[in-house]
Amino acid sequence: MASKAEKIVAGLGGIDNIDEIEGCITRLRTEVHDASKVDEAALKAAGAHGVVKMGTAIQVVIGTDADPIAADIEDMM
């Protein structure tokens, strides 16, 4: 079974679509190469409470485990 971080990566369009990511209290702040590859439904299924899109800047509202999830995703990159 995929980890929460792996599910979020998939929802963001895959590891190759993620330019950068950082945890910020309750959010994952990401910059993606192609925003059309971001799957909001998949992110919510992975546990996101919400998704904010501003061009290629994507914020995934994930809760207090944002920092460790960001670290897990950075390890995959």
Protein backbone atom coordinates (compact mmCIF):
# COMPACT_ATOMS: atom_id res chain seq x y z
CA MET A 1 0.00 0.00 0.00
CA ALA A 2 1.30 3.44 -0.91
CA SER A 3 2.28 5.83 1.86
CA LYS A 4 0.49 9.14 2.32
CA ALA A 5 3.50 10.93 0.79
CA GLU A 6 3.40 8.63 -2.27
CA LYS A 7 -0.32 9.28 -2.73
CA ILE A 8 0.25 13.03 -2.53
CA VAL A 9 3.09 12.80 -5.06
CA ALA A 10 0.72 10.95 -7.41
CA GLY A 11 -1.94 13.64 -6.89
CA LEU A 12 0.62 16.32 -7.75
CA GLY A 13 1.26 14.67 -11.10
CA GLY A 14 4.21 12.47 -10.15
CA ILE A 15 7.67 13.15 -8.78
CA ASP A 16 8.88 14.57 -12.12
CA ASN A 17 6.14 17.22 -12.03
CA ILE A 18 7.24 18.59 -8.63
CA ASP A 19 9.79 21.40 -8.89
CA GLU A 20 9.97 22.15 -5.17
CA ILE A 21 8.07 21.39 -1.98
CA GLU A 22 8.13 22.62 1.59
CA GLY A 23 6.05 22.07 4.69
CA CYS A 24 4.52 25.16 6.26
CA ILE A 25 2.67 24.35 9.51
CA THR A 26 -0.47 22.72 8.03
CA ARG A 27 0.22 23.06 4.30
CA LEU A 28 2.48 21.63 1.67
CA ARG A 29 3.62 24.50 -0.52
CA THR A 30 4.64 23.20 -3.90
CA GLU A 31 5.74 24.50 -7.25
CA VAL A 32 4.89 22.17 -10.13
CA HIS A 33 5.95 22.16 -13.78
CA ASP A 34 2.45 21.48 -15.17
CA ALA A 35 -0.57 22.43 -13.06
CA SER A 36 -2.91 20.50 -15.39
CA LYS A 37 -1.42 17.24 -14.04
CA VAL A 38 -2.56 18.02 -10.48
CA ASP A 39 -5.50 15.82 -9.46
CA GLU A 40 -7.47 17.53 -6.68
CA ALA A 41 -9.68 14.49 -6.11
CA ALA A 42 -6.62 12.25 -5.66
CA LEU A 43 -5.09 14.72 -3.21
CA LYS A 44 -8.32 14.80 -1.17
CA ALA A 45 -8.48 10.99 -1.27
CA ALA A 46 -4.91 11.00 0.11
CA GLY A 47 -6.10 13.05 3.09
CA ALA A 48 -5.88 16.67 1.96
CA HIS A 49 -8.48 18.97 3.51
CA GLY A 50 -8.22 21.36 0.58
CA VAL A 51 -6.14 22.41 -2.41
CA VAL A 52 -5.30 25.99 -3.40
CA LYS A 53 -4.06 26.51 -6.97
CA MET A 54 -2.36 29.72 -8.10
CA GLY A 55 -0.84 28.97 -11.49
CA THR A 56 1.96 26.47 -10.91
CA ALA A 57 2.02 27.20 -7.16
CA ILE A 58 -0.07 24.56 -5.39
CA GLN A 59 -0.86 24.51 -1.67
CA VAL A 60 -2.15 21.25 -0.23
CA VAL A 61 -3.87 21.71 3.14
CA ILE A 62 -2.85 18.52 4.93
CA GLY A 63 -2.81 19.22 8.67
CA THR A 64 -0.06 19.18 11.27
CA ASP A 65 1.90 16.40 9.56
CA ALA A 66 2.80 18.70 6.62
CA ASP A 67 6.47 19.03 7.62
CA PRO A 68 7.21 15.28 7.89
CA ILE A 69 5.31 14.57 4.67
CA ALA A 70 7.30 17.29 2.88
CA ALA A 71 10.51 15.70 4.19
CA ASP A 72 9.38 12.28 2.91
CA ILE A 73 8.64 13.74 -0.53
CA GLU A 74 12.00 15.56 -0.61
CA ASP A 75 13.68 12.22 0.10
CA MET A 76 11.96 10.80 -3.01
CA MET A 77 13.17 13.65 -5.25
